């Protein structure tokens, strides 16, 4: 019973319907008390600023993360910024400024694959929705999303992929530069594409499943690279110019209704 109803009851009367509705509406429209209103930061606690200000302070302090790690395997070498490096950089700074990052939704897909050496692996790709919360408990107006993928031979693929997604979130959301040399500072002339040798077409040309349309395309490729006269071993083990082989088999398949 509200104050007006108590007063009315003490006076020996009741509130009419309109007065009751007004009372309920007034109670509903009263804002909930701010739980942080009387909070005073202690020693080492972050300053109570809005989340976007706290995140800006994180960015100002992190500044840049260089690509200080190197992958060198399978004939490939490149520099990168690893998950541990990024988290170790952002972790203490977000703690200092009262920023919390929470995964609130994870959408994962999986597929089986193999490495170049034939080892069986499980590939996981995730899309993670993140909530970024500031020291006052307020959050950025929209959930942030990032993706990550990872290969693993056991049961760690999902955890690895989510770690990669976190790295992507921190680097992209923090607009974190590398301070590396600008790739546009160097200019390289693109070389000509290597010419596919005539002999590499033979198996496809002799395959009865190859359509006449594909044979016409092969003939055009060979003509463009001036290889129509190149001698190859045909389907019966005899030498024949590949251009003649393509035309002959194309006519045979067209006559037989193969498309």
Protein backbone atom coordinates (compact mmCIF):
# COMPACT_ATOMS: atom_id res chain seq x y z
CA UNK A 1 0.00 0.00 0.00
CA UNK A 2 1.41 3.42 -1.04
CA UNK A 3 1.67 6.55 1.08
CA UNK A 4 -1.42 8.10 -0.47
CA UNK A 5 -3.45 4.97 0.22
CA UNK A 6 -2.22 4.88 3.82
CA UNK A 7 -3.21 8.53 4.28
CA UNK A 8 -6.57 7.90 2.68
CA UNK A 9 -7.18 4.86 4.92
CA UNK A 10 -6.29 6.88 8.01
CA UNK A 11 -8.87 9.46 6.95
CA UNK A 12 -11.49 6.75 6.53
CA UNK A 13 -11.62 6.87 2.70
CA UNK A 14 -10.12 5.01 -0.31
CA UNK A 15 -8.41 6.27 -3.48
CA UNK A 16 -10.38 6.07 -6.68
CA UNK A 17 -9.10 4.16 -9.73
CA UNK A 18 -7.43 7.17 -11.37
CA UNK A 19 -5.55 8.00 -8.21
CA UNK A 20 -4.36 4.39 -7.87
CA UNK A 21 -3.13 4.37 -11.48
CA UNK A 22 -1.30 7.66 -10.92
CA UNK A 23 0.34 6.19 -7.83
CA UNK A 24 1.49 3.05 -9.71
CA UNK A 25 2.80 5.09 -12.64
CA UNK A 26 4.79 7.33 -10.28
CA UNK A 27 6.36 4.29 -8.64
CA UNK A 28 7.27 2.74 -12.02
CA UNK A 29 8.81 5.96 -13.34
CA UNK A 30 11.09 6.39 -10.33
CA UNK A 31 14.62 5.50 -11.55
CA UNK A 32 16.42 2.66 -9.83
CA UNK A 33 19.18 3.81 -7.52
CA UNK A 34 22.69 3.77 -8.97
CA UNK A 35 24.66 1.09 -7.05
CA UNK A 36 27.88 2.98 -7.82
CA UNK A 37 26.58 6.38 -6.70
CA UNK A 38 28.28 6.33 -3.29
CA UNK A 39 31.32 4.29 -4.36
CA UNK A 40 34.69 5.89 -3.75
CA UNK A 41 37.73 4.26 -5.35
CA UNK A 42 40.28 2.87 -2.96
CA UNK A 43 44.01 2.71 -3.41
CA UNK A 44 44.78 1.10 -6.76
CA UNK A 45 41.16 1.09 -7.94
CA UNK A 46 40.40 2.54 -11.39
CA UNK A 47 38.87 5.96 -11.76
CA UNK A 48 35.08 5.79 -12.13
CA UNK A 49 34.77 7.05 -15.72
CA UNK A 50 32.45 5.90 -18.54
CA UNK A 51 33.50 2.80 -20.45
CA UNK A 52 34.42 4.66 -23.65
CA UNK A 53 36.79 6.93 -21.71
CA UNK A 54 38.37 3.96 -19.92
CA UNK A 55 38.87 2.13 -23.23
CA UNK A 56 40.43 5.25 -24.77
CA UNK A 57 42.89 5.36 -21.87
CA UNK A 58 43.77 1.71 -22.53
CA UNK A 59 44.49 2.53 -26.18
CA UNK A 60 46.64 5.52 -25.21
CA UNK A 61 48.74 3.36 -22.91
CA UNK A 62 49.14 0.32 -25.18
CA UNK A 63 50.14 2.47 -28.16
CA UNK A 64 51.62 -0.25 -30.45
CA UNK A 65 52.57 -3.93 -30.51
CA UNK A 66 55.32 -4.96 -32.93
CA UNK A 67 55.36 -8.22 -34.89
CA UNK A 68 58.14 -9.64 -32.74
CA UNK A 69 57.50 -13.36 -33.25
CA UNK A 70 58.44 -15.38 -36.30
CA UNK A 71 57.04 -18.52 -37.90
CA UNK A 72 59.52 -20.50 -39.97
CA UNK A 73 58.32 -23.86 -41.23
CA UNK A 74 57.27 -25.69 -44.36
CA UNK A 75 59.14 -23.24 -46.55
CA UNK A 76 57.11 -20.33 -45.18
CA UNK A 77 58.44 -17.56 -42.96
CA UNK A 78 56.59 -14.54 -41.58
CA UNK A 79 56.45 -12.28 -38.52
CA UNK A 80 53.34 -12.05 -36.38
CA UNK A 81 51.88 -10.83 -33.08
CA UNK A 82 50.98 -13.89 -31.02
CA UNK A 83 48.02 -14.35 -28.69
CA UNK A 84 50.17 -14.38 -25.54
CA UNK A 85 52.00 -11.21 -26.56
CA UNK A 86 48.76 -9.33 -27.19
CA UNK A 87 47.00 -10.54 -24.03
CA UNK A 88 50.08 -9.92 -21.90
CA UNK A 89 50.16 -6.35 -23.23
CA UNK A 90 46.47 -5.55 -22.87
CA UNK A 91 45.83 -7.52 -19.66
CA UNK A 92 47.58 -5.29 -17.08
CA UNK A 93 46.42 -2.09 -18.81
CA UNK A 94 42.75 -3.08 -18.94
CA UNK A 95 43.00 -4.10 -15.28
CA UNK A 96 44.47 -0.71 -14.41
CA UNK A 97 41.62 1.17 -16.10
CA UNK A 98 38.81 -1.13 -14.96
CA UNK A 99 37.97 -2.66 -18.35
CA UNK A 100 36.48 -6.16 -18.41
CA UNK A 101 36.08 -8.17 -21.62
CA UNK A 102 33.55 -11.02 -21.52
CA UNK A 103 32.64 -13.54 -24.26
CA UNK A 104 28.83 -13.67 -24.30
CA UNK A 105 28.21 -15.85 -27.37
CA UNK A 106 30.34 -18.32 -29.32
CA UNK A 107 29.30 -19.71 -32.70
CA UNK A 108 31.64 -22.55 -33.75
CA UNK A 109 31.92 -24.73 -36.85
CA UNK A 110 34.20 -27.73 -37.39
CA UNK A 111 35.63 -29.78 -40.23
CA UNK A 112 38.14 -32.59 -40.56
CA UNK A 113 41.25 -31.93 -42.63
CA UNK A 114 44.80 -33.21 -43.12
CA UNK A 115 48.20 -31.55 -43.17
CA UNK A 116 50.60 -31.68 -46.10
CA UNK A 117 52.27 -34.61 -44.33
CA UNK A 118 48.98 -36.52 -44.10
CA UNK A 119 48.33 -35.97 -40.39
CA UNK A 120 44.65 -35.81 -39.48
CA UNK A 121 43.55 -32.52 -37.92
CA UNK A 122 40.35 -30.88 -36.73
CA UNK A 123 39.71 -27.32 -37.90
CA UNK A 124 37.60 -25.01 -35.72
CA UNK A 125 36.27 -21.63 -36.79
CA UNK A 126 34.51 -19.43 -34.24
CA UNK A 127 32.63 -16.15 -34.23
CA UNK A 128 32.66 -14.66 -30.75
CA UNK A 129 30.46 -11.82 -29.45
CA UNK A 130 32.18 -9.80 -26.75
CA UNK A 131 30.90 -7.44 -24.04
CA UNK A 132 33.30 -4.66 -23.05
CA UNK A 133 32.44 -3.32 -19.58
CA UNK A 134 33.90 -0.25 -17.89
CA UNK A 135 34.71 0.47 -14.25
CA UNK A 136 31.22 1.86 -13.55
CA UNK A 137 29.51 -1.27 -14.86
CA UNK A 138 28.39 0.36 -18.11
CA UNK A 139 29.12 -1.33 -21.42
CA UNK A 140 29.84 -0.27 -24.97
CA UNK A 141 26.54 0.28 -26.81
CA UNK A 142 26.94 -2.75 -29.09
CA UNK A 143 28.44 -6.22 -28.76
CA UNK A 144 31.72 -6.54 -30.62
CA UNK A 145 32.33 -9.59 -32.82
CA UNK A 146 35.56 -11.21 -33.97
CA UNK A 147 36.49 -14.46 -35.64
CA UNK A 148 39.26 -16.97 -35.12
CA UNK A 149 40.28 -20.32 -36.53
CA UNK A 150 42.68 -23.03 -35.42
CA UNK A 151 43.84 -26.55 -36.23
CA UNK A 152 44.42 -29.18 -33.57
CA UNK A 153 44.93 -32.93 -33.51
CA UNK A 154 43.24 -33.34 -30.10
CA UNK A 155 40.61 -31.34 -28.20
CA UNK A 156 42.17 -27.87 -28.05
CA UNK A 157 40.93 -26.44 -31.37
CA UNK A 158 38.00 -24.52 -29.90
CA UNK A 159 40.09 -22.95 -27.13
CA UNK A 160 42.79 -21.97 -29.63
CA UNK A 161 40.25 -20.44 -32.03
CA UNK A 162 38.67 -18.38 -29.23
CA UNK A 163 42.12 -17.15 -28.19
CA UNK A 164 42.76 -16.01 -31.75
CA UNK A 165 39.36 -14.25 -31.79
CA UNK A 166 40.34 -12.42 -28.58
CA UNK A 167 43.61 -11.32 -30.16
CA UNK A 168 41.71 -10.01 -33.18
CA UNK A 169 39.27 -8.12 -30.92
CA UNK A 170 42.03 -6.44 -28.91
CA UNK A 171 44.12 -5.49 -31.95
CA UNK A 172 41.20 -4.27 -34.06
CA UNK A 173 39.23 -2.69 -31.22
CA UNK A 174 42.40 -1.04 -29.96
CA UNK A 175 43.45 0.09 -33.46
CA UNK A 176 46.86 -1.21 -32.41
CA UNK A 177 49.59 -0.45 -34.97
CA UNK A 178 52.79 -2.42 -35.48
CA UNK A 179 55.08 0.50 -36.37
CA UNK A 180 56.45 -1.76 -39.11
CA UNK A 181 57.58 -0.43 -42.45
CA UNK A 182 54.64 0.50 -44.68
CA UNK A 183 54.18 -2.23 -47.33
CA UNK A 184 53.40 0.47 -49.91
CA UNK A 185 56.92 1.82 -49.44
CA UNK A 186 58.23 -0.97 -51.70
CA UNK A 187 57.20 -1.56 -55.29
CA UNK A 188 57.64 -4.88 -57.06
CA UNK A 189 56.99 -5.66 -60.71
CA UNK A 190 54.72 -8.66 -61.18
CA UNK A 191 56.40 -11.35 -63.28
CA UNK A 192 54.73 -13.28 -66.08
CA UNK A 193 52.72 -16.35 -65.07
CA UNK A 194 54.58 -19.62 -65.83
CA UNK A 195 53.43 -21.45 -68.96
CA UNK A 196 51.72 -24.77 -68.32
CA UNK A 197 53.52 -27.47 -70.36
CA UNK A 198 51.59 -29.33 -73.05
CA UNK A 199 52.26 -32.73 -71.52
CA UNK A 200 50.42 -31.74 -68.34
CA UNK A 201 47.14 -31.57 -70.33
CA UNK A 202 47.31 -35.15 -71.68
CA UNK A 203 45.57 -36.95 -68.81
CA UNK A 204 42.73 -34.42 -68.78
CA UNK A 205 42.33 -34.53 -72.57
CA UNK A 206 42.23 -38.34 -72.66
CA UNK A 207 39.83 -38.60 -69.72
CA UNK A 208 36.39 -39.49 -71.20
CA UNK A 209 34.73 -37.39 -68.49
CA UNK A 210 36.30 -34.19 -69.86
CA UNK A 211 33.58 -32.27 -71.72
CA UNK A 212 33.91 -30.96 -75.24
CA UNK A 213 33.60 -27.45 -73.84
CA UNK A 214 36.67 -28.02 -71.68
CA UNK A 215 38.53 -29.48 -74.67
CA UNK A 216 37.82 -26.29 -76.63
CA UNK A 217 39.19 -24.26 -73.73
CA UNK A 218 42.34 -26.43 -73.58
CA UNK A 219 42.83 -25.99 -77.34
CA UNK A 220 42.61 -22.20 -76.87
CA UNK A 221 45.15 -22.28 -74.00
CA UNK A 222 47.58 -24.34 -76.08
CA UNK A 223 47.13 -22.02 -79.05
CA UNK A 224 47.77 -18.96 -76.88
CA UNK A 225 51.01 -20.47 -75.58
CA UNK A 226 51.99 -21.73 -79.07
CA UNK A 227 52.10 -25.41 -78.07
CA UNK A 228 49.59 -26.96 -80.46
CA UNK A 229 52.42 -28.73 -82.31
CA UNK A 230 54.06 -30.19 -79.19
CA UNK A 231 54.38 -33.98 -79.44
CA UNK A 232 52.80 -36.00 -76.63
CA UNK A 233 51.95 -39.65 -76.06
CA UNK A 234 48.27 -40.18 -76.85
CA UNK A 235 45.75 -42.65 -75.38
CA UNK A 236 47.11 -45.60 -77.43
CA UNK A 237 50.78 -44.93 -76.65
CA UNK A 238 51.66 -43.21 -79.90
CA UNK A 239 53.19 -39.77 -80.40
CA UNK A 240 50.78 -37.14 -81.69
CA UNK A 241 50.73 -33.32 -81.72
CA UNK A 242 48.62 -32.32 -78.76
CA UNK A 243 46.56 -29.94 -80.89
CA UNK A 244 45.55 -32.81 -83.20
CA UNK A 245 44.81 -35.00 -80.15
CA UNK A 246 42.47 -32.42 -78.65
CA UNK A 247 40.61 -31.89 -81.96
CA UNK A 248 40.30 -35.62 -82.69
CA UNK A 249 38.98 -36.57 -79.26
CA UNK A 250 36.68 -33.56 -79.25
CA UNK A 251 35.09 -34.66 -82.54
CA UNK A 252 34.71 -38.25 -81.31
CA UNK A 253 32.95 -37.15 -78.11
CA UNK A 254 30.75 -34.68 -79.94
CA UNK A 255 29.69 -37.43 -82.36
CA UNK A 256 28.98 -39.71 -79.41
CA UNK A 257 26.87 -37.07 -77.66
CA UNK A 258 29.32 -36.43 -74.82
CA UNK A 259 29.11 -32.92 -73.41
